[in-house]
Amino acid sequence: MTQPATRSDDRDRRTDGGFSLLEILVAVALIGLGLAIVAPNLSALMPSARLSGSGKELVSWLQTIRSEARIQAKRMELELDLDKGRYRIVWPPEERLTSDQIILADADVPERDRDWIDLERDVVFAGAGDAKEGLIQKGLYRVAFDEYGFSADQVVALQLESDPDFVWSLMVRGLTGKIETQESETGEILRPVRVEEGAF
């Protein structure tokens, strides 16, 4: 003989089934509060992440080119298009493809646009130069390494187009090949210092 269900049994069955309205409202309020705190910071973080990503990629290419110059004992260059925010490797003449091979490899791309690597969206060049010529901000600029991997001290600066105060400066130390980076939120760009003979 079964016993009839009591009120306490009914209450136990109802509370086992899910969340109460109050619990759901508290969870939604906490999620909304978290998004309100995090969302403004995400918009500030993303552009600076693109800037540092472009800077790190450029450092990697510069190190690769210097290494190739030493391994192959040939002059290697990285050409920067300061106006269009892009760069490319300039290979030694004997390693460049003939024009026929280029046309067969990529017939849809105009010759002037082949081999260029674009900077991230919203990232532009703030300038490039050395101590002798100074910093230029327009046109083409080449960072060159000789057959021993040496170069003049040079700087390449990147900045955010939407916020020019965010700057990444890359200082290429010519004799050691070391690349120093400096991040600035005040628009400051590293400048190479001219070393006179008496400094040694």
Protein backbone atom coordinates (compact mmCIF):
# COMPACT_ATOMS: atom_id res chain seq x y z
CA MET A 1 0.00 0.00 0.00
CA THR A 2 1.45 3.32 -1.07
CA GLN A 3 1.21 6.39 1.05
CA PRO A 4 -0.13 9.63 -0.36
CA ALA A 5 2.44 12.35 -1.17
CA THR A 6 2.88 15.05 1.40
CA ARG A 7 3.44 18.78 0.82
CA SER A 8 7.15 18.57 1.66
CA ASP A 9 7.65 15.92 -1.04
CA ASP A 10 6.00 18.22 -3.61
CA ARG A 11 8.31 21.11 -2.63
CA ASP A 12 11.40 18.90 -2.98
CA ARG A 13 10.34 17.86 -6.47
CA ARG A 14 9.77 21.47 -7.59
CA THR A 15 13.18 22.76 -6.41
CA ASP A 16 15.11 19.93 -8.09
CA GLY A 17 14.01 21.05 -11.57
CA GLY A 18 16.14 24.16 -12.43
CA PHE A 19 16.91 27.79 -11.64
CA SER A 20 14.64 30.28 -10.02
CA LEU A 21 13.81 33.59 -11.66
CA LEU A 22 15.91 35.41 -9.06
CA GLU A 23 19.01 33.29 -9.87
CA ILE A 24 18.64 33.98 -13.60
CA LEU A 25 18.26 37.74 -13.02
CA VAL A 26 21.39 37.82 -10.84
CA ALA A 27 23.41 35.92 -13.48
CA VAL A 28 22.27 38.25 -16.27
CA ALA A 29 23.10 41.31 -14.14
CA LEU A 30 26.61 39.99 -13.42
CA ILE A 31 27.26 39.27 -17.11
CA GLY A 32 26.05 42.77 -18.03
CA LEU A 33 28.28 44.33 -15.37
CA GLY A 34 31.29 42.35 -16.62
CA LEU A 35 30.68 43.44 -20.23
CA ALA A 36 30.26 47.08 -19.15
CA ILE A 37 33.70 46.96 -17.48
CA VAL A 38 35.54 44.99 -20.18
CA ALA A 39 34.05 46.39 -23.43
CA PRO A 40 35.63 49.90 -23.28
CA ASN A 41 39.04 48.36 -22.56
CA LEU A 42 38.76 45.94 -25.49
CA SER A 43 38.36 48.77 -27.99
CA ALA A 44 41.55 50.38 -26.64
CA LEU A 45 43.42 47.06 -26.57
CA MET A 46 42.74 45.87 -30.11
CA PRO A 47 44.43 48.73 -32.04
CA SER A 48 47.54 48.53 -29.86
CA ALA A 49 47.59 44.75 -30.43
CA ARG A 50 47.57 45.36 -34.20
CA LEU A 51 50.42 47.86 -33.80
CA SER A 52 52.56 45.48 -31.75
CA GLY A 53 51.72 42.62 -34.16
CA SER A 54 52.95 44.62 -37.16
CA GLY A 55 56.04 45.68 -35.21
CA LYS A 56 56.92 42.11 -34.23
CA GLU A 57 56.41 40.88 -37.79
CA LEU A 58 58.70 43.63 -39.11
CA VAL A 59 61.37 42.73 -36.51
CA SER A 60 61.14 39.11 -37.63
CA TRP A 61 61.63 40.07 -41.31
CA LEU A 62 64.60 42.32 -40.47
CA GLN A 63 66.27 39.52 -38.52
CA THR A 64 65.61 37.06 -41.34
CA ILE A 65 67.09 39.38 -43.96
CA ARG A 66 70.20 40.06 -41.86
CA SER A 67 70.64 36.32 -41.35
CA GLU A 68 70.25 35.64 -45.09
CA ALA A 69 72.79 38.34 -45.92
CA ARG A 70 75.35 36.64 -43.66
CA ILE A 71 74.56 33.11 -44.81
CA GLN A 72 74.64 33.92 -48.54
CA ALA A 73 77.36 36.59 -48.21
CA LYS A 74 75.21 38.92 -50.32
CA ARG A 75 73.66 42.33 -49.81
CA MET A 76 70.00 42.09 -48.74
CA GLU A 77 67.47 44.88 -48.34
CA LEU A 78 64.00 45.46 -46.98
CA GLU A 79 62.18 48.18 -48.93
CA LEU A 80 59.53 50.18 -47.07
CA ASP A 81 56.77 52.04 -48.88
CA LEU A 82 56.08 54.76 -46.31
CA ASP A 83 53.10 56.15 -48.24
CA LYS A 84 51.17 52.91 -48.73
CA GLY A 85 52.08 51.14 -45.46
CA ARG A 86 53.76 48.09 -46.97
CA TYR A 87 57.20 46.50 -47.35
CA ARG A 88 59.02 43.84 -49.34
CA ILE A 89 62.31 41.97 -49.54
CA VAL A 90 64.68 43.11 -52.28
CA TRP A 91 66.54 39.98 -53.35
CA PRO A 92 69.98 39.99 -54.97
CA PRO A 93 69.71 40.21 -58.79
CA GLU A 94 70.74 36.58 -59.37
CA GLU A 95 67.91 35.34 -57.12
CA ARG A 96 65.09 37.35 -58.66
CA LEU A 97 62.72 35.48 -60.94
CA THR A 98 62.74 36.42 -64.58
CA SER A 99 59.74 38.43 -65.71
CA ASP A 100 58.39 35.38 -67.59
CA GLN A 101 58.45 33.27 -64.42
CA ILE A 102 56.73 36.03 -62.45
CA ILE A 103 53.96 36.37 -65.02
CA LEU A 104 53.38 32.61 -65.00
CA ALA A 105 53.42 32.48 -61.19
CA ASP A 106 50.92 35.29 -60.59
CA ALA A 107 49.39 36.67 -63.76
CA ASP A 108 46.49 38.51 -62.03
CA VAL A 109 48.66 40.80 -59.88
CA PRO A 110 50.24 43.89 -61.50
CA GLU A 111 54.06 43.76 -61.43
CA ARG A 112 54.35 46.88 -59.23
CA ASP A 113 52.22 45.21 -56.50
CA ARG A 114 53.94 41.81 -56.37
CA ASP A 115 55.79 40.66 -53.25
CA TRP A 116 54.54 43.51 -51.02
CA ILE A 117 53.44 42.75 -47.45
CA ASP A 118 50.82 45.15 -46.06
CA LEU A 119 50.86 46.41 -42.48
CA GLU A 120 47.87 45.59 -40.28
CA ARG A 121 44.71 47.65 -40.68
CA ASP A 122 45.03 51.11 -39.04
CA VAL A 123 48.85 50.79 -38.79
CA VAL A 124 51.05 53.14 -40.85
CA PHE A 125 54.71 54.09 -41.01
CA ALA A 126 55.54 57.16 -38.89
CA GLY A 127 58.94 57.38 -40.59
CA ALA A 128 62.27 55.69 -41.21
CA GLY A 129 65.84 56.87 -41.43
CA ASP A 130 69.36 56.95 -40.09
CA ALA A 131 71.49 59.47 -38.20
CA LYS A 132 73.11 60.86 -41.35
CA GLU A 133 70.00 61.49 -43.48
CA GLY A 134 67.47 61.97 -40.67
CA LEU A 135 63.93 60.65 -40.47
CA ILE A 136 61.87 60.62 -43.67
CA GLN A 137 58.11 60.17 -43.69
CA LYS A 138 57.23 59.83 -47.38
CA GLY A 139 58.40 57.76 -50.33
CA LEU A 140 60.49 54.60 -50.34
CA TYR A 141 63.17 53.73 -47.80
CA ARG A 142 65.51 50.73 -47.75
CA VAL A 143 67.04 49.03 -44.74
CA ALA A 144 70.15 47.35 -46.19
CA PHE A 145 72.50 44.73 -44.77
CA ASP A 146 75.86 44.06 -46.41
CA GLU A 147 77.35 40.59 -47.02
CA TYR A 148 78.54 40.44 -43.38
CA GLY A 149 75.14 41.38 -41.96
CA PHE A 150 76.23 44.89 -40.98
CA SER A 151 74.22 48.04 -41.53
CA ALA A 152 74.07 51.66 -40.40
CA ASP A 153 72.11 52.37 -37.23
CA GLN A 154 68.57 52.90 -38.51
CA VAL A 155 65.11 53.42 -37.12
CA VAL A 156 61.70 52.37 -38.46
CA ALA A 157 58.65 53.79 -36.68
CA LEU A 158 55.06 52.55 -36.85
CA GLN A 159 52.00 54.31 -35.51
CA LEU A 160 48.25 53.97 -35.37
CA GLU A 161 46.47 56.02 -37.99
CA SER A 162 43.45 56.44 -35.69
CA ASP A 163 45.62 57.50 -32.71
CA PRO A 164 49.06 58.86 -33.77
CA ASP A 165 50.21 58.98 -30.13
CA PHE A 166 50.64 55.18 -30.18
CA VAL A 167 54.09 54.61 -31.73
CA TRP A 168 56.34 51.55 -32.05
CA SER A 169 59.99 52.43 -32.84
CA LEU A 170 62.38 49.74 -34.11
CA MET A 171 66.05 50.65 -33.76
CA VAL A 172 68.36 48.50 -35.90
CA ARG A 173 71.86 48.47 -34.41
CA GLY A 174 74.11 48.13 -37.45
CA LEU A 175 77.17 46.43 -35.95
CA THR A 176 75.48 43.98 -33.61
CA GLY A 177 72.30 43.40 -35.62
CA LYS A 178 70.28 43.78 -32.44
CA ILE A 179 66.84 45.33 -32.89
CA GLU A 180 65.58 47.38 -29.96
CA THR A 181 61.91 48.24 -29.69
CA GLN A 182 60.28 51.09 -27.85
CA GLU A 183 56.56 51.58 -27.36
CA SER A 184 55.27 55.10 -26.79
CA GLU A 185 51.82 56.45 -25.98
CA THR A 186 52.96 60.07 -26.38
CA GLY A 187 54.05 59.96 -30.03
CA GLU A 188 57.79 59.77 -29.24
CA ILE A 189 59.97 58.22 -31.96
CA LEU A 190 63.47 56.83 -31.32
CA ARG A 191 66.13 58.62 -33.34
CA PRO A 192 69.55 57.19 -34.19
CA VAL A 193 72.48 59.17 -32.82
CA ARG A 194 75.33 60.04 -35.14
CA VAL A 195 78.59 58.58 -33.83
CA GLU A 196 81.72 60.57 -34.59
CA GLU A 197 85.19 59.04 -34.93
CA GLY A 198 86.31 60.40 -31.56
CA ALA A 199 83.59 58.42 -29.77
CA PHE A 200 85.59 55.17 -30.04
